[in-house]
Amino acid sequence: MALNIYTIIRRPVLTEKSSDRINDLKKVTFEVDPKANKASVKEALEKLFRVNVESVNIKIRKGKNRVFKRVKSKGPLTKQAIVTLKDSQSFDTLAQLVSGRLVIGKSAASNGTETTRE
C-alpha cells in the first residue's frame, strides 16, 4: 500500500509529556505510519492543516516482548513525529486541533456563542 497524506498521520499523541511540549516548547507530537519519513510527514501536515512546519523529529519505539502461557509475541512498532512550527498562528490552530478545542464556527443561536468540537 502506497502512503498518501491521509494515511501518514495516524493520530495526535496526548500524554503528559507531549502536553508539556505543547505548552513549553511549542511542539506538537503525532503518531505516524512506520514507513513515513521526515519529508513525507512535513508535506502531509502542511497540506492537511495548512501550517508552516519548521522541523520534524522522528522517534521510533520498538515493540515490547511479551509472554502469555508460554507463547512469545512482540508488540507493534510505533513511530512518533515531534513537529516544530514556524509561526505562532499556525501553532495555535494545530494545538487547538490536537487538544480537541478547535472552534468550528458560530452557532445558529442569535446570541453569537461559538460551538466547540469535543
PDB file of N, CA and C in Angstrom:
ATOM      1  N   MET A   1       0.845  -1.182   0.000  1.00  0.00           N
ATOM      2  CA  MET A   1       0.000   0.000   0.000  1.00  0.00           C
ATOM      3  C   MET A   1       0.887   1.241   0.000  1.00  0.00           C
ATOM      4  N   ALA A   2       0.616   2.129  -0.915  1.00  0.00           N
ATOM      5  CA  ALA A   2       1.390   3.367  -1.010  1.00  0.00           C
ATOM      6  C   ALA A   2       0.893   4.368   0.035  1.00  0.00           C
ATOM      7  N   LEU A   3       1.827   5.140   0.531  1.00  0.00           N
ATOM      8  CA  LEU A   3       1.465   6.159   1.522  1.00  0.00           C
ATOM      9  C   LEU A   3       0.917   7.396   0.819  1.00  0.00           C
ATOM     10  N   ASN A   4      -0.156   7.938   1.350  1.00  0.00           N
ATOM     11  CA  ASN A   4      -0.630   9.241   0.901  1.00  0.00           C
ATOM     12  C   ASN A   4      -0.782  10.125   2.132  1.00  0.00           C
ATOM     13  N   ILE A   5      -1.119  11.385   1.941  1.00  0.00           N
ATOM     14  CA  ILE A   5      -1.118  12.321   3.064  1.00  0.00           C
ATOM     15  C   ILE A   5      -2.183  11.977   4.110  1.00  0.00           C
ATOM     16  N   TYR A   6      -3.186  11.198   3.732  1.00  0.00           N
ATOM     17  CA  TYR A   6      -4.243  10.850   4.673  1.00  0.00           C
ATOM     18  C   TYR A   6      -3.891   9.643   5.538  1.00  0.00           C
ATOM     19  N   THR A   7      -2.921   8.834   5.116  1.00  0.00           N
ATOM     20  CA  THR A   7      -2.538   7.664   5.905  1.00  0.00           C
ATOM     21  C   THR A   7      -1.240   7.867   6.675  1.00  0.00           C
ATOM     22  N   ILE A   8      -0.521   8.936   6.401  1.00  0.00           N
ATOM     23  CA  ILE A   8       0.753   9.178   7.096  1.00  0.00           C
ATOM     24  C   ILE A   8       0.512   9.554   8.553  1.00  0.00           C
ATOM     25  N   ILE A   9      -0.353  10.533   8.805  1.00  0.00           N
ATOM     26  CA  ILE A   9      -0.653  10.983  10.164  1.00  0.00           C
ATOM     27  C   ILE A   9      -1.752  10.093  10.724  1.00  0.00           C
ATOM     28  N   ARG A  10      -1.454   9.358  11.799  1.00  0.00           N
ATOM     29  CA  ARG A  10      -2.460   8.470  12.377  1.00  0.00           C
ATOM     30  C   ARG A  10      -3.300   9.168  13.430  1.00  0.00           C
ATOM     31  N   ARG A  11      -2.641   9.761  14.434  1.00  0.00           N
ATOM     32  CA  ARG A  11      -3.384  10.442  15.494  1.00  0.00           C
ATOM     33  C   ARG A  11      -2.415  11.281  16.315  1.00  0.00           C
ATOM     34  N   PRO A  12      -2.936  12.270  17.022  1.00  0.00           N
ATOM     35  CA  PRO A  12      -2.064  13.034  17.929  1.00  0.00           C
ATOM     36  C   PRO A  12      -1.768  12.216  19.186  1.00  0.00           C
ATOM     37  N   VAL A  13      -0.606  12.462  19.761  1.00  0.00           N
ATOM     38  CA  VAL A  13      -0.221  11.790  20.997  1.00  0.00           C
ATOM     39  C   VAL A  13      -0.584  12.715  22.150  1.00  0.00           C
ATOM     40  N   LEU A  14      -1.468  12.266  23.020  1.00  0.00           N
ATOM     41  CA  LEU A  14      -1.936  13.075  24.133  1.00  0.00           C
ATOM     42  C   LEU A  14      -1.476  12.457  25.445  1.00  0.00           C
ATOM     43  N   THR A  15      -0.250  12.746  25.818  1.00  0.00           N
ATOM     44  CA  THR A  15       0.306  12.293  27.083  1.00  0.00           C
ATOM     45  C   THR A  15       0.732  13.518  27.882  1.00  0.00           C
ATOM     46  N   GLU A  16       1.139  13.293  29.108  1.00  0.00           N
ATOM     47  CA  GLU A  16       1.588  14.404  29.937  1.00  0.00           C
ATOM     48  C   GLU A  16       2.841  15.051  29.350  1.00  0.00           C
ATOM     49  N   LYS A  17       3.743  14.230  28.855  1.00  0.00           N
ATOM     50  CA  LYS A  17       4.975  14.752  28.282  1.00  0.00           C
ATOM     51  C   LYS A  17       4.705  15.542  26.994  1.00  0.00           C
ATOM     52  N   SER A  18       3.799  15.050  26.153  1.00  0.00           N
ATOM     53  CA  SER A  18       3.501  15.769  24.918  1.00  0.00           C
ATOM     54  C   SER A  18       2.750  17.072  25.195  1.00  0.00           C
ATOM     55  N   SER A  19       1.901  17.089  26.228  1.00  0.00           N
ATOM     56  CA  SER A  19       1.216  18.341  26.553  1.00  0.00           C
ATOM     57  C   SER A  19       2.191  19.358  27.153  1.00  0.00           C
ATOM     58  N   ASP A  20       3.212  18.884  27.873  1.00  0.00           N
ATOM     59  CA  ASP A  20       4.265  19.801  28.341  1.00  0.00           C
ATOM     60  C   ASP A  20       5.041  20.384  27.167  1.00  0.00           C
ATOM     61  N   ARG A  21       5.287  19.552  26.143  1.00  0.00           N
ATOM     62  CA  ARG A  21       5.972  20.047  24.935  1.00  0.00           C
ATOM     63  C   ARG A  21       5.139  21.109  24.235  1.00  0.00           C
ATOM     64  N   ILE A  22       3.821  20.916  24.194  1.00  0.00           N
ATOM     65  CA  ILE A  22       2.951  21.897  23.546  1.00  0.00           C
ATOM     66  C   ILE A  22       3.022  23.227  24.286  1.00  0.00           C
ATOM     67  N   ASN A  23       2.925  23.189  25.599  1.00  0.00           N
ATOM     68  CA  ASN A  23       2.880  24.420  26.385  1.00  0.00           C
ATOM     69  C   ASN A  23       4.229  25.109  26.489  1.00  0.00           C
ATOM     70  N   ASP A  24       5.300  24.363  26.712  1.00  0.00           N
ATOM     71  CA  ASP A  24       6.604  24.965  26.969  1.00  0.00           C
ATOM     72  C   ASP A  24       7.437  25.167  25.708  1.00  0.00           C
ATOM     73  N   LEU A  25       7.522  24.151  24.868  1.00  0.00           N
ATOM     74  CA  LEU A  25       8.435  24.188  23.726  1.00  0.00           C
ATOM     75  C   LEU A  25       7.753  24.499  22.400  1.00  0.00           C
ATOM     76  N   LYS A  26       6.418  24.610  22.405  1.00  0.00           N
ATOM     77  CA  LYS A  26       5.647  24.874  21.184  1.00  0.00           C
ATOM     78  C   LYS A  26       5.879  23.799  20.122  1.00  0.00           C
ATOM     79  N   LYS A  27       5.834  22.526  20.567  1.00  0.00           N
ATOM     80  CA  LYS A  27       5.987  21.391  19.666  1.00  0.00           C
ATOM     81  C   LYS A  27       4.776  20.488  19.811  1.00  0.00           C
ATOM     82  N   VAL A  28       4.356  19.874  18.709  1.00  0.00           N
ATOM     83  CA  VAL A  28       3.185  19.000  18.688  1.00  0.00           C
ATOM     84  C   VAL A  28       3.648  17.602  18.289  1.00  0.00           C
ATOM     85  N   THR A  29       3.113  16.569  18.956  1.00  0.00           N
ATOM     86  CA  THR A  29       3.529  15.191  18.710  1.00  0.00           C
ATOM     87  C   THR A  29       2.393  14.408  18.057  1.00  0.00           C
ATOM     88  N   PHE A  30       2.736  13.666  16.995  1.00  0.00           N
ATOM     89  CA  PHE A  30       1.778  12.826  16.284  1.00  0.00           C
ATOM     90  C   PHE A  30       2.321  11.415  16.176  1.00  0.00           C
ATOM     91  N   GLU A  31       1.422  10.431  16.173  1.00  0.00           N
ATOM     92  CA  GLU A  31       1.816   9.075  15.807  1.00  0.00           C
ATOM     93  C   GLU A  31       1.667   8.978  14.299  1.00  0.00           C
ATOM     94  N   VAL A  32       2.704   8.468  13.646  1.00  0.00           N
ATOM     95  CA  VAL A  32       2.713   8.401  12.189  1.00  0.00           C
ATOM     96  C   VAL A  32       2.916   6.959  11.738  1.00  0.00           C
ATOM     97  N   ASP A  33       2.716   6.731  10.454  1.00  0.00           N
ATOM     98  CA  ASP A  33       2.914   5.419   9.861  1.00  0.00           C
ATOM     99  C   ASP A  33       4.389   5.028   9.967  1.00  0.00           C
ATOM    100  N   PRO A  34       4.699   3.763  10.281  1.00  0.00           N
ATOM    101  CA  PRO A  34       6.102   3.356  10.409  1.00  0.00           C
ATOM    102  C   PRO A  34       6.925   3.510   9.129  1.00  0.00           C
ATOM    103  N   LYS A  35       6.286   3.570   7.977  1.00  0.00           N
ATOM    104  CA  LYS A  35       7.011   3.732   6.712  1.00  0.00           C
ATOM    105  C   LYS A  35       7.265   5.190   6.361  1.00  0.00           C
ATOM    106  N   ALA A  36       6.692   6.119   7.114  1.00  0.00           N
ATOM    107  CA  ALA A  36       6.814   7.544   6.806  1.00  0.00           C
ATOM    108  C   ALA A  36       8.193   8.060   7.202  1.00  0.00           C
ATOM    109  N   ASN A  37       8.662   9.074   6.457  1.00  0.00           N
ATOM    110  CA  ASN A  37       9.913   9.729   6.807  1.00  0.00           C
ATOM    111  C   ASN A  37       9.637  11.202   7.107  1.00  0.00           C
ATOM    112  N   LYS A  38      10.690  11.955   7.446  1.00  0.00           N
ATOM    113  CA  LYS A  38      10.502  13.351   7.855  1.00  0.00           C
ATOM    114  C   LYS A  38       9.885  14.197   6.754  1.00  0.00           C
ATOM    115  N   ALA A  39      10.340  14.016   5.540  1.00  0.00           N
ATOM    116  CA  ALA A  39       9.827  14.818   4.424  1.00  0.00           C
ATOM    117  C   ALA A  39       8.352  14.539   4.163  1.00  0.00           C
ATOM    118  N   SER A  40       7.945  13.271   4.241  1.00  0.00           N
ATOM    119  CA  SER A  40       6.533  12.954   3.982  1.00  0.00           C
ATOM    120  C   SER A  40       5.636  13.455   5.114  1.00  0.00           C
ATOM    121  N   VAL A  41       6.130  13.420   6.358  1.00  0.00           N
ATOM    122  CA  VAL A  41       5.354  13.944   7.488  1.00  0.00           C
ATOM    123  C   VAL A  41       5.184  15.454   7.338  1.00  0.00           C
ATOM    124  N   LYS A  42       6.246  16.147   6.970  1.00  0.00           N
ATOM    125  CA  LYS A  42       6.180  17.597   6.784  1.00  0.00           C
ATOM    126  C   LYS A  42       5.193  17.958   5.681  1.00  0.00           C
ATOM    127  N   GLU A  43       5.264  17.249   4.568  1.00  0.00           N
ATOM    128  CA  GLU A  43       4.361  17.516   3.442  1.00  0.00           C
ATOM    129  C   GLU A  43       2.908  17.255   3.828  1.00  0.00           C
ATOM    130  N   ALA A  44       2.653  16.157   4.541  1.00  0.00           N
ATOM    131  CA  ALA A  44       1.285  15.820   4.939  1.00  0.00           C
ATOM    132  C   ALA A  44       0.708  16.864   5.887  1.00  0.00           C
ATOM    133  N   LEU A  45       1.486  17.310   6.874  1.00  0.00           N
ATOM    134  CA  LEU A  45       0.990  18.321   7.808  1.00  0.00           C
ATOM    135  C   LEU A  45       0.722  19.647   7.116  1.00  0.00           C
ATOM    136  N   GLU A  46       1.600  20.047   6.212  1.00  0.00           N
ATOM    137  CA  GLU A  46       1.402  21.318   5.517  1.00  0.00           C
ATOM    138  C   GLU A  46       0.179  21.283   4.615  1.00  0.00           C
ATOM    139  N   LYS A  47      -0.085  20.155   3.975  1.00  0.00           N
ATOM    140  CA  LYS A  47      -1.245  20.069   3.087  1.00  0.00           C
ATOM    141  C   LYS A  47      -2.550  19.865   3.861  1.00  0.00           C
ATOM    142  N   LEU A  48      -2.527  19.036   4.894  1.00  0.00           N
ATOM    143  CA  LEU A  48      -3.757  18.742   5.633  1.00  0.00           C
ATOM    144  C   LEU A  48      -4.221  19.906   6.493  1.00  0.00           C
ATOM    145  N   PHE A  49      -3.291  20.513   7.248  1.00  0.00           N
ATOM    146  CA  PHE A  49      -3.667  21.520   8.226  1.00  0.00           C
ATOM    147  C   PHE A  49      -3.296  22.942   7.833  1.00  0.00           C
ATOM    148  N   ARG A  50      -2.662  23.116   6.671  1.00  0.00           N
ATOM    149  CA  ARG A  50      -2.271  24.442   6.167  1.00  0.00           C
ATOM    150  C   ARG A  50      -1.427  25.205   7.197  1.00  0.00           C
ATOM    151  N   VAL A  51      -0.362  24.555   7.664  1.00  0.00           N
ATOM    152  CA  VAL A  51       0.562  25.164   8.610  1.00  0.00           C
ATOM    153  C   VAL A  51       1.963  25.178   8.005  1.00  0.00           C
ATOM    154  N   ASN A  52       2.843  26.004   8.568  1.00  0.00           N
ATOM    155  CA  ASN A  52       4.224  26.065   8.129  1.00  0.00           C
ATOM    156  C   ASN A  52       5.088  25.294   9.115  1.00  0.00           C
ATOM    157  N   VAL A  53       5.659  24.188   8.670  1.00  0.00           N
ATOM    158  CA  VAL A  53       6.449  23.322   9.526  1.00  0.00           C
ATOM    159  C   VAL A  53       7.916  23.733   9.444  1.00  0.00           C
ATOM    160  N   GLU A  54       8.520  23.958  10.612  1.00  0.00           N
ATOM    161  CA  GLU A  54       9.940  24.310  10.649  1.00  0.00           C
ATOM    162  C   GLU A  54      10.815  23.061  10.655  1.00  0.00           C
ATOM    163  N   SER A  55      10.520  22.126  11.564  1.00  0.00           N
ATOM    164  CA  SER A  55      11.323  20.905  11.629  1.00  0.00           C
ATOM    165  C   SER A  55      10.472  19.738  12.118  1.00  0.00           C
ATOM    166  N   VAL A  56      10.942  18.539  11.777  1.00  0.00           N
ATOM    167  CA  VAL A  56      10.279  17.306  12.189  1.00  0.00           C
ATOM    168  C   VAL A  56      11.348  16.383  12.769  1.00  0.00           C
ATOM    169  N   ASN A  57      11.118  15.893  13.976  1.00  0.00           N
ATOM    170  CA  ASN A  57      11.982  14.887  14.586  1.00  0.00           C
ATOM    171  C   ASN A  57      11.187  13.593  14.703  1.00  0.00           C
ATOM    172  N   ILE A  58      11.841  12.471  14.383  1.00  0.00           N
ATOM    173  CA  ILE A  58      11.185  11.173  14.392  1.00  0.00           C
ATOM    174  C   ILE A  58      11.724  10.345  15.552  1.00  0.00           C
ATOM    175  N   LYS A  59      10.804   9.678  16.266  1.00  0.00           N
ATOM    176  CA  LYS A  59      11.169   8.803  17.376  1.00  0.00           C
ATOM    177  C   LYS A  59      10.532   7.442  17.124  1.00  0.00           C
ATOM    178  N   ILE A  60      11.346   6.383  17.134  1.00  0.00           N
ATOM    179  CA  ILE A  60      10.859   5.031  16.880  1.00  0.00           C
ATOM    180  C   ILE A  60      10.872   4.243  18.181  1.00  0.00           C
ATOM    181  N   ARG A  61       9.752   3.594  18.478  1.00  0.00           N
ATOM    182  CA  ARG A  61       9.651   2.750  19.668  1.00  0.00           C
ATOM    183  C   ARG A  61       9.378   1.329  19.202  1.00  0.00           C
ATOM    184  N   LYS A  62      10.324   0.458  19.463  1.00  0.00           N
ATOM    185  CA  LYS A  62      10.161  -0.931  19.058  1.00  0.00           C
ATOM    186  C   LYS A  62       9.173  -1.621  19.991  1.00  0.00           C
ATOM    187  N   GLY A  63       8.515  -2.648  19.488  1.00  0.00           N
ATOM    188  CA  GLY A  63       7.515  -3.355  20.269  1.00  0.00           C
ATOM    189  C   GLY A  63       8.118  -4.133  21.424  1.00  0.00           C
ATOM    190  N   LYS A  64       7.371  -4.244  22.501  1.00  0.00           N
ATOM    191  CA  LYS A  64       7.834  -4.970  23.680  1.00  0.00           C
ATOM    192  C   LYS A  64       7.624  -6.474  23.497  1.00  0.00           C
ATOM    193  N   ASN A  65       8.550  -7.257  24.059  1.00  0.00           N
ATOM    194  CA  ASN A  65       8.390  -8.708  24.063  1.00  0.00           C
ATOM    195  C   ASN A  65       7.429  -9.091  25.178  1.00  0.00           C
ATOM    196  N   ARG A  66       6.523 -10.019  24.866  1.00  0.00           N
ATOM    197  CA  ARG A  66       5.541 -10.464  25.839  1.00  0.00           C
ATOM    198  C   ARG A  66       5.491 -11.981  25.859  1.00  0.00           C
ATOM    199  N   VAL A  67       5.125 -12.539  27.011  1.00  0.00           N
ATOM    200  CA  VAL A  67       4.947 -13.976  27.140  1.00  0.00           C
ATOM    201  C   VAL A  67       3.598 -14.205  27.809  1.00  0.00           C
ATOM    202  N   PHE A  68       2.758 -15.018  27.170  1.00  0.00           N
ATOM    203  CA  PHE A  68       1.455 -15.365  27.728  1.00  0.00           C
ATOM    204  C   PHE A  68       1.260 -16.863  27.547  1.00  0.00           C
ATOM    205  N   LYS A  69       1.195 -17.589  28.643  1.00  0.00           N
ATOM    206  CA  LYS A  69       1.037 -19.046  28.620  1.00  0.00           C
ATOM    207  C   LYS A  69       2.090 -19.708  27.723  1.00  0.00           C
ATOM    208  N   ARG A  70       3.327 -19.322  27.935  1.00  0.00           N
ATOM    209  CA  ARG A  70       4.493 -19.855  27.223  1.00  0.00           C
ATOM    210  C   ARG A  70       4.504 -19.525  25.736  1.00  0.00           C
ATOM    211  N   VAL A  71       3.681 -18.615  25.303  1.00  0.00           N
ATOM    212  CA  VAL A  71       3.676 -18.185  23.907  1.00  0.00           C
ATOM    213  C   VAL A  71       4.297 -16.798  23.852  1.00  0.00           C
ATOM    214  N   LYS A  72       5.376 -16.665  23.098  1.00  0.00           N
ATOM    215  CA  LYS A  72       6.066 -15.385  22.986  1.00  0.00           C
ATOM    216  C   LYS A  72       5.480 -14.588  21.830  1.00  0.00           C
ATOM    217  N   SER A  73       5.327 -13.306  22.060  1.00  0.00           N
ATOM    218  CA  SER A  73       4.860 -12.415  20.998  1.00  0.00           C
ATOM    219  C   SER A  73       5.565 -11.081  21.142  1.00  0.00           C
ATOM    220  N   LYS A  74       5.467 -10.294  20.119  1.00  0.00           N
ATOM    221  CA  LYS A  74       6.113  -8.986  20.128  1.00  0.00           C
ATOM    222  C   LYS A  74       5.068  -7.936  19.776  1.00  0.00           C
ATOM    223  N   GLY A  75       5.064  -6.831  20.517  1.00  0.00           N
ATOM    224  CA  GLY A  75       4.120  -5.747  20.274  1.00  0.00           C
ATOM    225  C   GLY A  75       4.464  -4.991  18.997  1.00  0.00           C
ATOM    226  N   PRO A  76       3.589  -4.117  18.583  1.00  0.00           N
ATOM    227  CA  PRO A  76       3.809  -3.398  17.322  1.00  0.00           C
ATOM    228  C   PRO A  76       4.846  -2.283  17.458  1.00  0.00           C
ATOM    229  N   LEU A  77       5.520  -1.999  16.356  1.00  0.00           N
ATOM    230  CA  LEU A  77       6.445  -0.881  16.274  1.00  0.00           C
ATOM    231  C   LEU A  77       5.635   0.399  16.110  1.00  0.00           C
ATOM    232  N   THR A  78       5.961   1.427  16.883  1.00  0.00           N
ATOM    233  CA  THR A  78       5.281   2.704  16.739  1.00  0.00           C
ATOM    234  C   THR A  78       6.293   3.777  16.416  1.00  0.00           C
ATOM    235  N   LYS A  79       5.861   4.756  15.655  1.00  0.00           N
ATOM    236  CA  LYS A  79       6.723   5.849  15.245  1.00  0.00           C
ATOM    237  C   LYS A  79       6.023   7.157  15.566  1.00  0.00           C
ATOM    238  N   GLN A  80       6.747   8.073  16.221  1.00  0.00           N
ATOM    239  CA  GLN A  80       6.183   9.371  16.572  1.00  0.00           C
ATOM    240  C   GLN A  80       6.960  10.469  15.877  1.00  0.00           C
ATOM    241  N   ALA A  81       6.247  11.503  15.473  1.00  0.00           N
ATOM    242  CA  ALA A  81       6.863  12.678  14.866  1.00  0.00           C
ATOM    243  C   ALA A  81       6.626  13.864  15.791  1.00  0.00           C
ATOM    244  N   ILE A  82       7.709  14.520  16.201  1.00  0.00           N
ATOM    245  CA  ILE A  82       7.631  15.714  17.030  1.00  0.00           C
ATOM    246  C   ILE A  82       7.854  16.898  16.099  1.00  0.00           C
ATOM    247  N   VAL A  83       6.825  17.728  15.951  1.00  0.00           N
ATOM    248  CA  VAL A  83       6.802  18.766  14.930  1.00  0.00           C
ATOM    249  C   VAL A  83       6.947  20.148  15.563  1.00  0.00           C
ATOM    250  N   THR A  84       7.868  20.951  15.031  1.00  0.00           N
ATOM    251  CA  THR A  84       8.028  22.344  15.422  1.00  0.00           C
ATOM    252  C   THR A  84       7.491  23.207  14.295  1.00  0.00           C
ATOM    253  N   LEU A  85       6.632  24.173  14.634  1.00  0.00           N
ATOM    254  CA  LEU A  85       6.020  25.035  13.629  1.00  0.00           C
ATOM    255  C   LEU A  85       6.720  26.385  13.570  1.00  0.00           C
ATOM    256  N   LYS A  86       6.666  27.039  12.395  1.00  0.00           N
ATOM    257  CA  LYS A  86       7.380  28.296  12.195  1.00  0.00           C
ATOM    258  C   LYS A  86       6.734  29.474  12.899  1.00  0.00           C
ATOM    259  N   ASP A  87       5.436  29.653  12.721  1.00  0.00           N
ATOM    260  CA  ASP A  87       4.793  30.836  13.286  1.00  0.00           C
ATOM    261  C   ASP A  87       3.774  30.447  14.347  1.00  0.00           C
ATOM    262  N   SER A  88       3.494  31.372  15.232  1.00  0.00           N
ATOM    263  CA  SER A  88       2.611  31.084  16.361  1.00  0.00           C
ATOM    264  C   SER A  88       1.156  30.936  15.931  1.00  0.00           C
ATOM    265  N   GLN A  89       0.750  31.575  14.846  1.00  0.00           N
ATOM    266  CA  GLN A  89      -0.635  31.474  14.368  1.00  0.00           C
ATOM    267  C   GLN A  89      -0.962  30.032  13.990  1.00  0.00           C
ATOM    268  N   SER A  90      -0.091  29.403  13.217  1.00  0.00           N
ATOM    269  CA  SER A  90      -0.345  28.023  12.824  1.00  0.00           C
ATOM    270  C   SER A  90      -0.191  27.089  14.012  1.00  0.00           C
ATOM    271  N   PHE A  91       0.677  27.423  14.971  1.00  0.00           N
ATOM    272  CA  PHE A  91       0.814  26.595  16.170  1.00  0.00           C
ATOM    273  C   PHE A  91      -0.479  26.611  16.982  1.00  0.00           C
ATOM    274  N   ASP A  92      -1.070  27.783  17.165  1.00  0.00           N
ATOM    275  CA  ASP A  92      -2.299  27.879  17.945  1.00  0.00           C
ATOM    276  C   ASP A  92      -3.412  27.047  17.316  1.00  0.00           C
ATOM    277  N   THR A  93      -3.531  27.106  16.002  1.00  0.00           N
ATOM    278  CA  THR A  93      -4.563  26.341  15.308  1.00  0.00           C
ATOM    279  C   THR A  93      -4.344  24.849  15.482  1.00  0.00           C
ATOM    280  N   LEU A  94      -3.105  24.397  15.279  1.00  0.00           N
ATOM    281  CA  LEU A  94      -2.811  22.971  15.371  1.00  0.00           C
ATOM    282  C   LEU A  94      -2.896  22.472  16.806  1.00  0.00           C
ATOM    283  N   ALA A  95      -2.466  23.268  17.771  1.00  0.00           N
ATOM    284  CA  ALA A  95      -2.550  22.868  19.175  1.00  0.00           C
ATOM    285  C   ALA A  95      -4.007  22.748  19.625  1.00  0.00           C
ATOM    286  N   GLN A  96      -4.861  23.643  19.156  1.00  0.00           N
ATOM    287  CA  GLN A  96      -6.283  23.542  19.484  1.00  0.00           C
ATOM    288  C   GLN A  96      -6.900  22.313  18.844  1.00  0.00           C
ATOM    289  N   LEU A  97      -6.472  21.983  17.633  1.00  0.00           N
ATOM    290  CA  LEU A  97      -6.982  20.803  16.958  1.00  0.00           C
ATOM    291  C   LEU A  97      -6.575  19.542  17.704  1.00  0.00           C
ATOM    292  N   VAL A  98      -5.323  19.481  18.143  1.00  0.00           N
ATOM    293  CA  VAL A  98      -4.820  18.306  18.858  1.00  0.00           C
ATOM    294  C   VAL A  98      -5.524  18.139  20.195  1.00  0.00           C
ATOM    295  N   SER A  99      -5.718  19.228  20.917  1.00  0.00           N
ATOM    296  CA  SER A  99      -6.327  19.129  22.234  1.00  0.00           C
ATOM    297  C   SER A  99      -7.850  19.006  22.173  1.00  0.00           C
ATOM    298  N   GLY A 100      -8.445  19.134  20.989  1.00  0.00           N
ATOM    299  CA  GLY A 100      -9.886  18.978  20.845  1.00  0.00           C
ATOM    300  C   GLY A 100     -10.675  20.233  21.137  1.00  0.00           C
ATOM    301  N   ARG A 101     -10.036  21.394  21.165  1.00  0.00           N
ATOM    302  CA  ARG A 101     -10.727  22.645  21.470  1.00  0.00           C
ATOM    303  C   ARG A 101     -10.841  23.549  20.244  1.00  0.00           C
ATOM    304  N   LEU A 102     -10.819  22.972  19.052  1.00  0.00           N
ATOM    305  CA  LEU A 102     -10.888  23.780  17.844  1.00  0.00           C
ATOM    306  C   LEU A 102     -12.271  24.397  17.700  1.00  0.00           C
ATOM    307  N   VAL A 103     -12.331  25.699  17.457  1.00  0.00           N
ATOM    308  CA  VAL A 103     -13.589  26.409  17.290  1.00  0.00           C
ATOM    309  C   VAL A 103     -14.059  26.192  15.859  1.00  0.00           C
ATOM    310  N   ILE A 104     -15.232  25.608  15.699  1.00  0.00           N
ATOM    311  CA  ILE A 104     -15.752  25.295  14.372  1.00  0.00           C
ATOM    312  C   ILE A 104     -16.400  26.514  13.736  1.00  0.00           C
ATOM    313  N   GLY A 105     -17.236  27.220  14.449  1.00  0.00           N
ATOM    314  CA  GLY A 105     -17.881  28.382  13.872  1.00  0.00           C
ATOM    315  C   GLY A 105     -18.981  28.903  14.770  1.00  0.00           C
ATOM    316  N   LYS A 106     -19.705  29.899  14.280  1.00  0.00           N
ATOM    317  CA  LYS A 106     -20.800  30.480  15.049  1.00  0.00           C
ATOM    318  C   LYS A 106     -21.987  29.529  15.054  1.00  0.00           C
ATOM    319  N   SER A 107     -22.691  29.480  16.178  1.00  0.00           N
ATOM    320  CA  SER A 107     -23.874  28.632  16.265  1.00  0.00           C
ATOM    321  C   SER A 107     -25.065  29.361  15.637  1.00  0.00           C
ATOM    322  N   ALA A 108     -26.159  28.642  15.494  1.00  0.00           N
ATOM    323  CA  ALA A 108     -27.350  29.211  14.878  1.00  0.00           C
ATOM    324  C   ALA A 108     -28.080  30.161  15.820  1.00  0.00           C
ATOM    325  N   ALA A 109     -27.723  30.120  17.084  1.00  0.00           N
ATOM    326  CA  ALA A 109     -28.392  30.996  18.048  1.00  0.00           C
ATOM    327  C   ALA A 109     -28.016  32.452  17.791  1.00  0.00           C
ATOM    328  N   SER A 110     -28.912  33.338  18.135  1.00  0.00           N
ATOM    329  CA  SER A 110     -28.686  34.758  17.869  1.00  0.00           C
ATOM    330  C   SER A 110     -27.744  35.412  18.870  1.00  0.00           C
ATOM    331  N   ASN A 111     -27.393  34.680  19.957  1.00  0.00           N
ATOM    332  CA  ASN A 111     -26.524  35.290  20.954  1.00  0.00           C
ATOM    333  C   ASN A 111     -25.063  35.295  20.534  1.00  0.00           C
ATOM    334  N   GLY A 112     -24.699  34.601  19.453  1.00  0.00           N
ATOM    335  CA  GLY A 112     -23.352  34.659  18.913  1.00  0.00           C
ATOM    336  C   GLY A 112     -22.348  33.804  19.666  1.00  0.00           C
ATOM    337  N   THR A 113     -22.809  32.831  20.439  1.00  0.00           N
ATOM    338  CA  THR A 113     -21.858  31.956  21.108  1.00  0.00           C
ATOM    339  C   THR A 113     -21.234  31.010  20.099  1.00  0.00           C
ATOM    340  N   GLU A 114     -20.003  30.583  20.389  1.00  0.00           N
ATOM    341  CA  GLU A 114     -19.310  29.712  19.465  1.00  0.00           C
ATOM    342  C   GLU A 114     -19.434  28.276  19.923  1.00  0.00           C
ATOM    343  N   THR A 115     -19.510  27.362  18.972  1.00  0.00           N
ATOM    344  CA  THR A 115     -19.543  25.945  19.294  1.00  0.00           C
ATOM    345  C   THR A 115     -18.136  25.393  19.195  1.00  0.00           C
ATOM    346  N   THR A 116     -17.828  24.480  20.074  1.00  0.00           N
ATOM    347  CA  THR A 116     -16.502  23.868  20.049  1.00  0.00           C
ATOM    348  C   THR A 116     -16.614  22.400  19.779  1.00  0.00           C
ATOM    349  N   ARG A 117     -15.563  21.855  19.238  1.00  0.00           N
ATOM    350  CA  ARG A 117     -15.520  20.427  18.948  1.00  0.00           C
ATOM    351  C   ARG A 117     -15.055  19.702  20.190  1.00  0.00           C
ATOM    352  N   GLU A 118     -15.797  18.693  20.615  1.00  0.00           N
ATOM    353  CA  GLU A 118     -15.431  17.939  21.815  1.00  0.00           C
ATOM    354  C   GLU A 118     -15.393  16.480  21.531  1.00  0.00           C
TER     355      GLU A 118
END
